Amino acid sequence: MQPSFKLIIIGGEHDAVKLCKVAATLGWEIDVITSAKDSKQLKDFPGANSVIGNTPETIEFTNIEENTAIVIMNHSYVQDLKYVIELAKHNPRYIGILGAPKRRERLFNELFEFVPDIAYEFLDHIYTPAGLHIGAQTPEEIAVSIVAEILSVIRKKEPFSLRKINGKIHN
């Protein structure tokens, strides 16, 4: 039997709550890391296994494996960068980061400054901006977009419309 798929959400705003709800409907094991200054509680994140307040300087990630996705949604570039630097010690399948596309180049450049020997394979696991381009606008739609991207990555499928398929949908 395969272990549950794990999702770590780093952030505690309303969009993180929506992502937690969507992922919980899939039966994913969800842990949430919020700001140590503004720590939320388990009741704030329906479907989560745990909610802890922490910082990138004090967090100790454990059990990050092939079946783990991480979505960073702090709404703070500096905090995002610090978490990615810490995650460079691990090998999650997917790291999604909210933010504008122009932040990606800056993030990668600064990662090379702080972690000069960073593996290119690690960089390939970073998806920023997180999510598939489906026209998502609301926090709920953005959550669906991110979950769909995670599924496409873990299942190694390039997303496209099912109407382009002739024959079996599930192989």
N, C-alpha and C. Protein backbone atom coordinates (compact mmCIF):
# COMPACT_ATOMS: atom_id res chain seq x y z
N MET A 1 0.84 -1.19 0.00
CA MET A 1 0.00 0.00 0.00
C MET A 1 0.88 1.24 0.00
N GLN A 2 0.54 2.19 -0.86
CA GLN A 2 1.33 3.41 -0.96
C GLN A 2 0.99 4.36 0.20
N PRO A 3 2.01 5.10 0.69
CA PRO A 3 1.72 6.07 1.74
C PRO A 3 0.88 7.22 1.19
N SER A 4 0.21 7.93 2.07
CA SER A 4 -0.58 9.10 1.66
C SER A 4 0.32 10.13 1.01
N PHE A 5 -0.26 10.85 0.05
CA PHE A 5 0.47 11.95 -0.53
C PHE A 5 0.46 13.09 0.49
N LYS A 6 1.62 13.75 0.65
CA LYS A 6 1.74 14.80 1.66
C LYS A 6 1.83 16.17 1.00
N LEU A 7 1.15 17.11 1.60
CA LEU A 7 1.22 18.51 1.18
C LEU A 7 1.60 19.35 2.39
N ILE A 8 2.65 20.15 2.22
CA ILE A 8 3.03 21.11 3.25
C ILE A 8 2.70 22.49 2.70
N ILE A 9 1.85 23.20 3.39
CA ILE A 9 1.49 24.56 3.01
C ILE A 9 2.23 25.51 3.94
N ILE A 10 2.99 26.42 3.35
CA ILE A 10 3.72 27.41 4.15
C ILE A 10 3.04 28.75 3.93
N GLY A 11 2.27 29.16 4.91
CA GLY A 11 1.51 30.40 4.82
C GLY A 11 0.20 30.23 5.57
N GLY A 12 -0.35 31.32 6.04
CA GLY A 12 -1.55 31.20 6.85
C GLY A 12 -2.69 32.12 6.45
N GLU A 13 -2.62 32.66 5.24
CA GLU A 13 -3.67 33.58 4.79
C GLU A 13 -4.87 32.80 4.25
N HIS A 14 -5.90 33.54 3.80
CA HIS A 14 -7.13 32.91 3.32
C HIS A 14 -6.90 31.98 2.14
N ASP A 15 -5.92 32.29 1.27
CA ASP A 15 -5.67 31.42 0.12
C ASP A 15 -5.08 30.08 0.56
N ALA A 16 -4.31 30.07 1.64
CA ALA A 16 -3.77 28.82 2.18
C ALA A 16 -4.90 27.96 2.74
N VAL A 17 -5.89 28.58 3.34
CA VAL A 17 -7.05 27.85 3.87
C VAL A 17 -7.80 27.18 2.72
N LYS A 18 -7.98 27.89 1.63
CA LYS A 18 -8.69 27.33 0.47
C LYS A 18 -7.91 26.17 -0.14
N LEU A 19 -6.58 26.30 -0.24
CA LEU A 19 -5.76 25.21 -0.76
C LEU A 19 -5.87 23.99 0.15
N CYS A 20 -5.86 24.21 1.44
CA CYS A 20 -5.98 23.11 2.41
C CYS A 20 -7.31 22.38 2.20
N LYS A 21 -8.39 23.10 2.03
CA LYS A 21 -9.71 22.49 1.83
C LYS A 21 -9.76 21.64 0.57
N VAL A 22 -9.23 22.18 -0.53
CA VAL A 22 -9.25 21.44 -1.80
C VAL A 22 -8.40 20.18 -1.69
N ALA A 23 -7.20 20.30 -1.14
CA ALA A 23 -6.30 19.15 -1.01
C ALA A 23 -6.89 18.10 -0.07
N ALA A 24 -7.58 18.54 0.97
CA ALA A 24 -8.18 17.60 1.92
C ALA A 24 -9.24 16.74 1.25
N THR A 25 -9.96 17.29 0.27
CA THR A 25 -10.98 16.50 -0.42
C THR A 25 -10.35 15.35 -1.22
N LEU A 26 -9.06 15.45 -1.52
CA LEU A 26 -8.35 14.39 -2.24
C LEU A 26 -7.75 13.35 -1.30
N GLY A 27 -7.89 13.58 0.00
CA GLY A 27 -7.35 12.65 0.98
C GLY A 27 -5.87 12.83 1.26
N TRP A 28 -5.33 13.97 0.86
CA TRP A 28 -3.91 14.24 1.10
C TRP A 28 -3.67 14.52 2.58
N GLU A 29 -2.49 14.19 3.05
CA GLU A 29 -2.05 14.47 4.41
C GLU A 29 -1.47 15.88 4.40
N ILE A 30 -2.07 16.81 5.12
CA ILE A 30 -1.71 18.22 5.02
C ILE A 30 -1.16 18.75 6.34
N ASP A 31 0.01 19.38 6.25
CA ASP A 31 0.59 20.10 7.38
C ASP A 31 0.75 21.55 6.96
N VAL A 32 0.43 22.45 7.87
CA VAL A 32 0.48 23.88 7.58
C VAL A 32 1.50 24.54 8.49
N ILE A 33 2.33 25.39 7.91
CA ILE A 33 3.31 26.17 8.67
C ILE A 33 2.93 27.63 8.49
N THR A 34 2.58 28.27 9.59
CA THR A 34 2.23 29.69 9.54
C THR A 34 3.34 30.50 10.19
N SER A 35 3.20 31.78 10.14
CA SER A 35 4.19 32.67 10.76
C SER A 35 4.19 32.46 12.27
N ALA A 36 5.37 32.49 12.85
CA ALA A 36 5.48 32.35 14.32
C ALA A 36 4.80 33.52 15.01
N LYS A 37 4.81 34.69 14.36
CA LYS A 37 4.19 35.89 14.95
C LYS A 37 2.67 35.84 14.91
N ASP A 38 2.15 35.19 13.86
CA ASP A 38 0.70 35.15 13.65
C ASP A 38 0.25 33.71 13.50
N SER A 39 0.60 32.90 14.46
CA SER A 39 0.31 31.48 14.38
C SER A 39 -1.20 31.24 14.41
N LYS A 40 -1.65 30.43 13.49
CA LYS A 40 -3.04 30.06 13.44
C LYS A 40 -3.21 28.73 14.18
N GLN A 41 -4.45 28.27 14.28
CA GLN A 41 -4.73 27.02 14.97
C GLN A 41 -5.30 25.99 14.00
N LEU A 42 -5.32 24.75 14.41
CA LEU A 42 -5.82 23.67 13.58
C LEU A 42 -7.25 23.93 13.11
N LYS A 43 -8.06 24.52 13.95
CA LYS A 43 -9.45 24.79 13.57
C LYS A 43 -9.56 25.78 12.43
N ASP A 44 -8.50 26.57 12.17
CA ASP A 44 -8.50 27.53 11.07
C ASP A 44 -8.27 26.87 9.71
N PHE A 45 -7.82 25.61 9.71
CA PHE A 45 -7.47 24.91 8.47
C PHE A 45 -8.18 23.56 8.41
N PRO A 46 -9.45 23.56 7.99
CA PRO A 46 -10.20 22.30 7.90
C PRO A 46 -9.48 21.29 7.01
N GLY A 47 -9.28 20.07 7.54
CA GLY A 47 -8.63 19.02 6.78
C GLY A 47 -7.15 18.86 7.06
N ALA A 48 -6.54 19.81 7.78
CA ALA A 48 -5.10 19.73 8.07
C ALA A 48 -4.85 18.76 9.22
N ASN A 49 -3.68 18.12 9.17
CA ASN A 49 -3.24 17.25 10.27
C ASN A 49 -2.59 18.06 11.38
N SER A 50 -1.86 19.12 10.97
CA SER A 50 -1.18 19.94 11.96
C SER A 50 -1.03 21.36 11.44
N VAL A 51 -0.96 22.28 12.37
CA VAL A 51 -0.70 23.69 12.07
C VAL A 51 0.29 24.16 13.12
N ILE A 52 1.46 24.63 12.65
CA ILE A 52 2.46 25.14 13.59
C ILE A 52 2.93 26.51 13.15
N GLY A 53 3.28 27.33 14.11
CA GLY A 53 3.88 28.62 13.84
C GLY A 53 5.39 28.46 13.87
N ASN A 54 6.06 28.91 12.81
CA ASN A 54 7.50 28.74 12.75
C ASN A 54 8.12 29.80 11.85
N THR A 55 9.43 29.77 11.75
CA THR A 55 10.16 30.68 10.87
C THR A 55 11.12 29.85 10.02
N PRO A 56 11.58 30.39 8.89
CA PRO A 56 12.53 29.63 8.08
C PRO A 56 13.84 29.37 8.81
N GLU A 57 14.17 30.21 9.76
CA GLU A 57 15.42 30.04 10.51
C GLU A 57 15.35 28.92 11.53
N THR A 58 14.15 28.59 12.01
CA THR A 58 14.02 27.58 13.06
C THR A 58 13.32 26.30 12.61
N ILE A 59 12.76 26.30 11.42
CA ILE A 59 12.03 25.11 10.95
C ILE A 59 12.99 23.94 10.72
N GLU A 60 12.53 22.77 11.05
CA GLU A 60 13.28 21.56 10.75
C GLU A 60 12.35 20.65 9.97
N PHE A 61 12.55 20.61 8.67
CA PHE A 61 11.72 19.75 7.83
C PHE A 61 12.14 18.30 8.01
N THR A 62 11.16 17.42 8.16
CA THR A 62 11.44 15.99 8.26
C THR A 62 10.48 15.26 7.33
N ASN A 63 10.88 14.09 6.92
CA ASN A 63 10.04 13.21 6.11
C ASN A 63 9.56 13.84 4.80
N ILE A 64 10.43 14.66 4.20
CA ILE A 64 10.11 15.18 2.87
C ILE A 64 10.65 14.17 1.87
N GLU A 65 9.73 13.55 1.16
CA GLU A 65 10.09 12.46 0.27
C GLU A 65 9.50 12.70 -1.11
N GLU A 66 9.58 11.65 -1.94
CA GLU A 66 9.02 11.68 -3.28
C GLU A 66 7.54 11.99 -3.28
N ASN A 67 6.85 11.59 -2.23
CA ASN A 67 5.40 11.78 -2.18
C ASN A 67 5.01 13.06 -1.44
N THR A 68 5.88 14.08 -1.53
CA THR A 68 5.63 15.33 -0.81
C THR A 68 5.64 16.51 -1.77
N ALA A 69 4.63 17.35 -1.65
CA ALA A 69 4.59 18.63 -2.37
C ALA A 69 4.58 19.74 -1.34
N ILE A 70 5.17 20.86 -1.70
CA ILE A 70 5.21 22.01 -0.80
C ILE A 70 4.72 23.22 -1.58
N VAL A 71 3.84 23.99 -0.97
CA VAL A 71 3.38 25.23 -1.59
C VAL A 71 3.69 26.36 -0.62
N ILE A 72 4.49 27.30 -1.11
CA ILE A 72 4.89 28.45 -0.30
C ILE A 72 4.01 29.62 -0.69
N MET A 73 3.25 30.10 0.27
CA MET A 73 2.31 31.19 0.02
C MET A 73 2.32 32.20 1.17
N ASN A 74 3.52 32.70 1.43
CA ASN A 74 3.71 33.67 2.52
C ASN A 74 3.33 35.09 2.14
N HIS A 75 3.36 35.37 0.85
CA HIS A 75 3.17 36.74 0.36
C HIS A 75 4.33 37.63 0.80
N SER A 76 5.51 37.04 0.99
CA SER A 76 6.72 37.76 1.36
C SER A 76 7.90 37.15 0.61
N TYR A 77 8.49 37.91 -0.30
CA TYR A 77 9.60 37.39 -1.10
C TYR A 77 10.75 36.91 -0.20
N VAL A 78 11.11 37.69 0.80
CA VAL A 78 12.24 37.36 1.67
C VAL A 78 11.98 36.04 2.40
N GLN A 79 10.78 35.88 2.94
CA GLN A 79 10.43 34.63 3.64
C GLN A 79 10.42 33.45 2.66
N ASP A 80 9.88 33.69 1.46
CA ASP A 80 9.86 32.62 0.45
C ASP A 80 11.28 32.15 0.15
N LEU A 81 12.18 33.09 -0.08
CA LEU A 81 13.57 32.75 -0.39
C LEU A 81 14.21 31.96 0.75
N LYS A 82 13.99 32.38 1.98
CA LYS A 82 14.55 31.67 3.13
C LYS A 82 14.04 30.24 3.22
N TYR A 83 12.76 30.04 2.97
CA TYR A 83 12.21 28.68 3.00
C TYR A 83 12.79 27.83 1.88
N VAL A 84 12.94 28.40 0.68
CA VAL A 84 13.50 27.63 -0.43
C VAL A 84 14.95 27.25 -0.14
N ILE A 85 15.71 28.15 0.46
CA ILE A 85 17.09 27.83 0.84
C ILE A 85 17.11 26.64 1.80
N GLU A 86 16.22 26.63 2.76
CA GLU A 86 16.13 25.51 3.71
C GLU A 86 15.69 24.22 3.00
N LEU A 87 14.78 24.35 2.05
CA LEU A 87 14.27 23.17 1.34
C LEU A 87 15.29 22.59 0.37
N ALA A 88 16.32 23.36 0.03
CA ALA A 88 17.36 22.88 -0.89
C ALA A 88 18.10 21.66 -0.31
N LYS A 89 17.95 21.44 0.99
CA LYS A 89 18.58 20.28 1.64
C LYS A 89 17.75 19.01 1.44
N HIS A 90 16.57 19.14 0.86
CA HIS A 90 15.64 18.03 0.71
C HIS A 90 15.32 17.85 -0.77
N ASN A 91 14.47 16.88 -1.07
CA ASN A 91 14.14 16.62 -2.46
C ASN A 91 12.64 16.39 -2.67
N PRO A 92 11.82 17.41 -2.42
CA PRO A 92 10.39 17.22 -2.66
C PRO A 92 10.11 17.13 -4.17
N ARG A 93 9.02 16.51 -4.54
CA ARG A 93 8.63 16.37 -5.95
C ARG A 93 8.23 17.71 -6.54
N TYR A 94 7.65 18.56 -5.68
CA TYR A 94 7.05 19.81 -6.18
C TYR A 94 7.21 20.87 -5.12
N ILE A 95 7.69 22.04 -5.53
CA ILE A 95 7.68 23.23 -4.68
C ILE A 95 7.00 24.32 -5.48
N GLY A 96 5.82 24.69 -5.07
CA GLY A 96 5.08 25.77 -5.74
C GLY A 96 5.22 27.04 -4.92
N ILE A 97 5.41 28.15 -5.60
CA ILE A 97 5.56 29.43 -4.91
C ILE A 97 4.64 30.44 -5.58
N LEU A 98 3.79 31.08 -4.78
CA LEU A 98 2.93 32.14 -5.31
C LEU A 98 3.77 33.34 -5.69
N GLY A 99 3.28 34.12 -6.62
CA GLY A 99 3.96 35.36 -6.98
C GLY A 99 4.02 35.57 -8.47
N ALA A 100 4.40 36.76 -8.85
CA ALA A 100 4.48 37.14 -10.26
C ALA A 100 5.65 36.44 -10.95
N PRO A 101 5.54 36.20 -12.27
CA PRO A 101 6.63 35.55 -13.01
C PRO A 101 7.98 36.26 -12.89
N LYS A 102 7.99 37.58 -12.75
CA LYS A 102 9.26 38.30 -12.69
C LYS A 102 10.05 37.98 -11.42
N ARG A 103 9.39 37.46 -10.40
CA ARG A 103 10.08 37.07 -9.16
C ARG A 103 10.94 35.82 -9.36
N ARG A 104 10.58 34.98 -10.33
CA ARG A 104 11.27 33.70 -10.55
C ARG A 104 12.76 33.91 -10.82
N GLU A 105 13.08 34.80 -11.75
CA GLU A 105 14.49 35.03 -12.10
C GLU A 105 15.26 35.56 -10.90
N ARG A 106 14.67 36.49 -10.18
CA ARG A 106 15.31 37.04 -8.98
C ARG A 106 15.54 35.94 -7.95
N LEU A 107 14.53 35.10 -7.74
CA LEU A 107 14.63 34.01 -6.77
C LEU A 107 15.77 33.07 -7.14
N PHE A 108 15.83 32.65 -8.41
CA PHE A 108 16.88 31.73 -8.84
C PHE A 108 18.25 32.36 -8.71
N ASN A 109 18.39 33.62 -9.08
CA ASN A 109 19.68 34.31 -8.96
C ASN A 109 20.14 34.37 -7.50
N GLU A 110 19.24 34.70 -6.61
CA GLU A 110 19.60 34.80 -5.20
C GLU A 110 19.84 33.42 -4.59
N LEU A 111 19.15 32.40 -5.08
CA LEU A 111 19.41 31.04 -4.61
C LEU A 111 20.86 30.65 -4.92
N PHE A 112 21.34 30.99 -6.11
CA PHE A 112 22.72 30.67 -6.48
C PHE A 112 23.72 31.43 -5.60
N GLU A 113 23.34 32.63 -5.16
CA GLU A 113 24.22 33.39 -4.25
C GLU A 113 24.33 32.70 -2.89
N PHE A 114 23.18 32.27 -2.35
CA PHE A 114 23.16 31.69 -1.00
C PHE A 114 23.51 30.20 -0.98
N VAL A 115 23.23 29.50 -2.07
CA VAL A 115 23.51 28.07 -2.17
C VAL A 115 24.21 27.82 -3.51
N PRO A 116 25.50 28.19 -3.60
CA PRO A 116 26.20 28.11 -4.88
C PRO A 116 26.24 26.71 -5.50
N ASP A 117 26.20 25.68 -4.70
CA ASP A 117 26.26 24.32 -5.23
C ASP A 117 24.87 23.68 -5.35
N ILE A 118 23.84 24.50 -5.49
CA ILE A 118 22.47 23.98 -5.58
C ILE A 118 22.34 23.09 -6.82
N ALA A 119 21.63 21.99 -6.66
CA ALA A 119 21.45 21.04 -7.76
C ALA A 119 20.41 21.56 -8.74
N TYR A 120 20.72 21.42 -10.03
CA TYR A 120 19.76 21.83 -11.05
C TYR A 120 18.48 21.01 -10.97
N GLU A 121 18.61 19.76 -10.53
CA GLU A 121 17.43 18.92 -10.34
C GLU A 121 16.47 19.55 -9.32
N PHE A 122 17.04 20.14 -8.27
CA PHE A 122 16.20 20.82 -7.26
C PHE A 122 15.44 21.98 -7.92
N LEU A 123 16.14 22.76 -8.74
CA LEU A 123 15.49 23.90 -9.41
C LEU A 123 14.36 23.44 -10.32
N ASP A 124 14.50 22.28 -10.93
CA ASP A 124 13.45 21.74 -11.80
C ASP A 124 12.18 21.42 -11.02
N HIS A 125 12.28 21.28 -9.72
CA HIS A 125 11.11 20.95 -8.90
C HIS A 125 10.39 22.20 -8.40
N ILE A 126 10.92 23.38 -8.75
CA ILE A 126 10.29 24.64 -8.32
C ILE A 126 9.36 25.14 -9.42
N TYR A 127 8.12 25.38 -9.05
CA TYR A 127 7.10 25.88 -9.96
C TYR A 127 6.62 27.23 -9.44
N THR A 128 7.04 28.25 -10.14
CA THR A 128 6.63 29.60 -9.73
C THR A 128 6.41 30.45 -10.97
N PRO A 129 5.31 31.11 -11.09
CA PRO A 129 4.15 31.08 -10.21
C PRO A 129 3.51 29.70 -10.17
N ALA A 130 3.01 29.34 -9.01
CA ALA A 130 2.39 28.02 -8.81
C ALA A 130 1.05 27.96 -9.53
N GLY A 131 0.77 26.79 -10.09
CA GLY A 131 -0.55 26.54 -10.68
C GLY A 131 -0.53 26.47 -12.19
N LEU A 132 -1.62 25.90 -12.72
CA LEU A 132 -1.81 25.83 -14.16
C LEU A 132 -2.56 27.07 -14.63
N HIS A 133 -2.30 27.44 -15.87
CA HIS A 133 -2.93 28.63 -16.44
C HIS A 133 -4.34 28.27 -16.93
N ILE A 134 -5.31 28.38 -16.01
CA ILE A 134 -6.70 28.05 -16.34
C ILE A 134 -7.61 29.27 -16.18
N GLY A 135 -7.03 30.43 -15.99
CA GLY A 135 -7.82 31.64 -15.80
C GLY A 135 -8.32 31.80 -14.37
N ALA A 136 -7.69 31.15 -13.43
CA ALA A 136 -8.12 31.21 -12.02
C ALA A 136 -8.03 32.65 -11.50
N GLN A 137 -9.06 33.06 -10.77
CA GLN A 137 -9.08 34.41 -10.21
C GLN A 137 -9.33 34.42 -8.71
N THR A 138 -10.23 33.60 -8.25
CA THR A 138 -10.56 33.59 -6.82
C THR A 138 -9.60 32.68 -6.07
N PRO A 139 -9.51 32.82 -4.75
CA PRO A 139 -8.65 31.91 -3.98
C PRO A 139 -9.02 30.44 -4.19
N GLU A 140 -10.30 30.14 -4.32
CA GLU A 140 -10.72 28.76 -4.55
C GLU A 140 -10.24 28.26 -5.91
N GLU A 141 -10.36 29.09 -6.93
CA GLU A 141 -9.91 28.71 -8.28
C GLU A 141 -8.39 28.56 -8.33
N ILE A 142 -7.68 29.42 -7.63
CA ILE A 142 -6.23 29.33 -7.57
C ILE A 142 -5.82 28.02 -6.88
N ALA A 143 -6.55 27.64 -5.84
CA ALA A 143 -6.28 26.37 -5.15
C ALA A 143 -6.46 25.20 -6.12
N VAL A 144 -7.52 25.21 -6.91
CA VAL A 144 -7.75 24.15 -7.90
C VAL A 144 -6.62 24.13 -8.92
N SER A 145 -6.18 25.30 -9.35
CA SER A 145 -5.09 25.42 -10.31
C SER A 145 -3.79 24.82 -9.77
N ILE A 146 -3.50 25.08 -8.51
CA ILE A 146 -2.28 24.56 -7.88
C ILE A 146 -2.37 23.05 -7.70
N VAL A 147 -3.50 22.56 -7.21
CA VAL A 147 -3.68 21.12 -7.02
C VAL A 147 -3.59 20.40 -8.37
N ALA A 148 -4.17 20.97 -9.41
CA ALA A 148 -4.09 20.36 -10.75
C ALA A 148 -2.64 20.29 -11.22
N GLU A 149 -1.86 21.34 -10.95
CA GLU A 149 -0.45 21.31 -11.34
C GLU A 149 0.31 20.24 -10.56
N ILE A 150 0.06 20.15 -9.27
CA ILE A 150 0.72 19.13 -8.45
C ILE A 150 0.40 17.73 -9.01
N LEU A 151 -0.86 17.48 -9.31
CA LEU A 151 -1.24 16.18 -9.86
C LEU A 151 -0.54 15.90 -11.19
N SER A 152 -0.45 16.92 -12.05
CA SER A 152 0.21 16.71 -13.35
C SER A 152 1.69 16.40 -13.15
N VAL A 153 2.32 16.99 -12.14
CA VAL A 153 3.74 16.74 -11.87
C VAL A 153 3.93 15.34 -11.29
N ILE A 154 3.15 14.98 -10.29
CA ILE A 154 3.37 13.67 -9.65
C ILE A 154 2.96 12.52 -10.55
N ARG A 155 2.03 12.76 -11.46
CA ARG A 155 1.60 11.71 -12.38
C ARG A 155 2.36 11.77 -13.71
N LYS A 156 3.25 12.75 -13.84
CA LYS A 156 4.08 12.92 -15.04
C LYS A 156 3.23 13.03 -16.30
N LYS A 157 2.25 13.93 -16.24
CA LYS A 157 1.34 14.17 -17.35
C LYS A 157 1.38 15.64 -17.74
N GLU A 158 1.45 15.90 -19.03
CA GLU A 158 1.37 17.27 -19.54
C GLU A 158 -0.12 17.59 -19.67
N PRO A 159 -0.61 18.63 -18.99
CA PRO A 159 -2.05 18.89 -19.00
C PRO A 159 -2.54 19.37 -20.37
N PHE A 160 -3.72 18.88 -20.74
CA PHE A 160 -4.43 19.35 -21.93
C PHE A 160 -5.89 18.95 -21.78
N SER A 161 -6.73 19.44 -22.65
CA SER A 161 -8.16 19.15 -22.58
C SER A 161 -8.42 17.70 -22.96
N LEU A 162 -9.27 17.03 -22.19
CA LEU A 162 -9.61 15.63 -22.46
C LEU A 162 -10.33 15.47 -23.80
N ARG A 163 -10.91 16.53 -24.33
CA ARG A 163 -11.62 16.40 -25.61
C ARG A 163 -10.67 16.11 -26.76
N LYS A 164 -9.37 16.22 -26.51
CA LYS A 164 -8.38 15.90 -27.54
C LYS A 164 -8.04 14.41 -27.57
N ILE A 165 -8.63 13.65 -26.65
CA ILE A 165 -8.32 12.22 -26.55
C ILE A 165 -9.36 11.41 -27.33
N ASN A 166 -8.86 10.47 -28.12
CA ASN A 166 -9.71 9.46 -28.75
C ASN A 166 -9.38 8.15 -28.08
N GLY A 167 -10.35 7.46 -27.58
CA GLY A 167 -10.08 6.20 -26.91
C GLY A 167 -10.14 6.33 -25.40
N LYS A 168 -9.31 5.51 -24.73
CA LYS A 168 -9.35 5.44 -23.26
C LYS A 168 -8.80 6.73 -22.63
N ILE A 169 -9.44 7.16 -21.57
CA ILE A 169 -8.97 8.33 -20.81
C ILE A 169 -7.93 7.89 -19.80
N HIS A 170 -8.18 6.80 -19.12
CA HIS A 170 -7.28 6.32 -18.05
C HIS A 170 -6.48 5.13 -18.55
N ASN A 171 -5.16 5.29 -18.59
CA ASN A 171 -4.32 4.15 -18.98
C ASN A 171 -3.51 3.72 -17.80
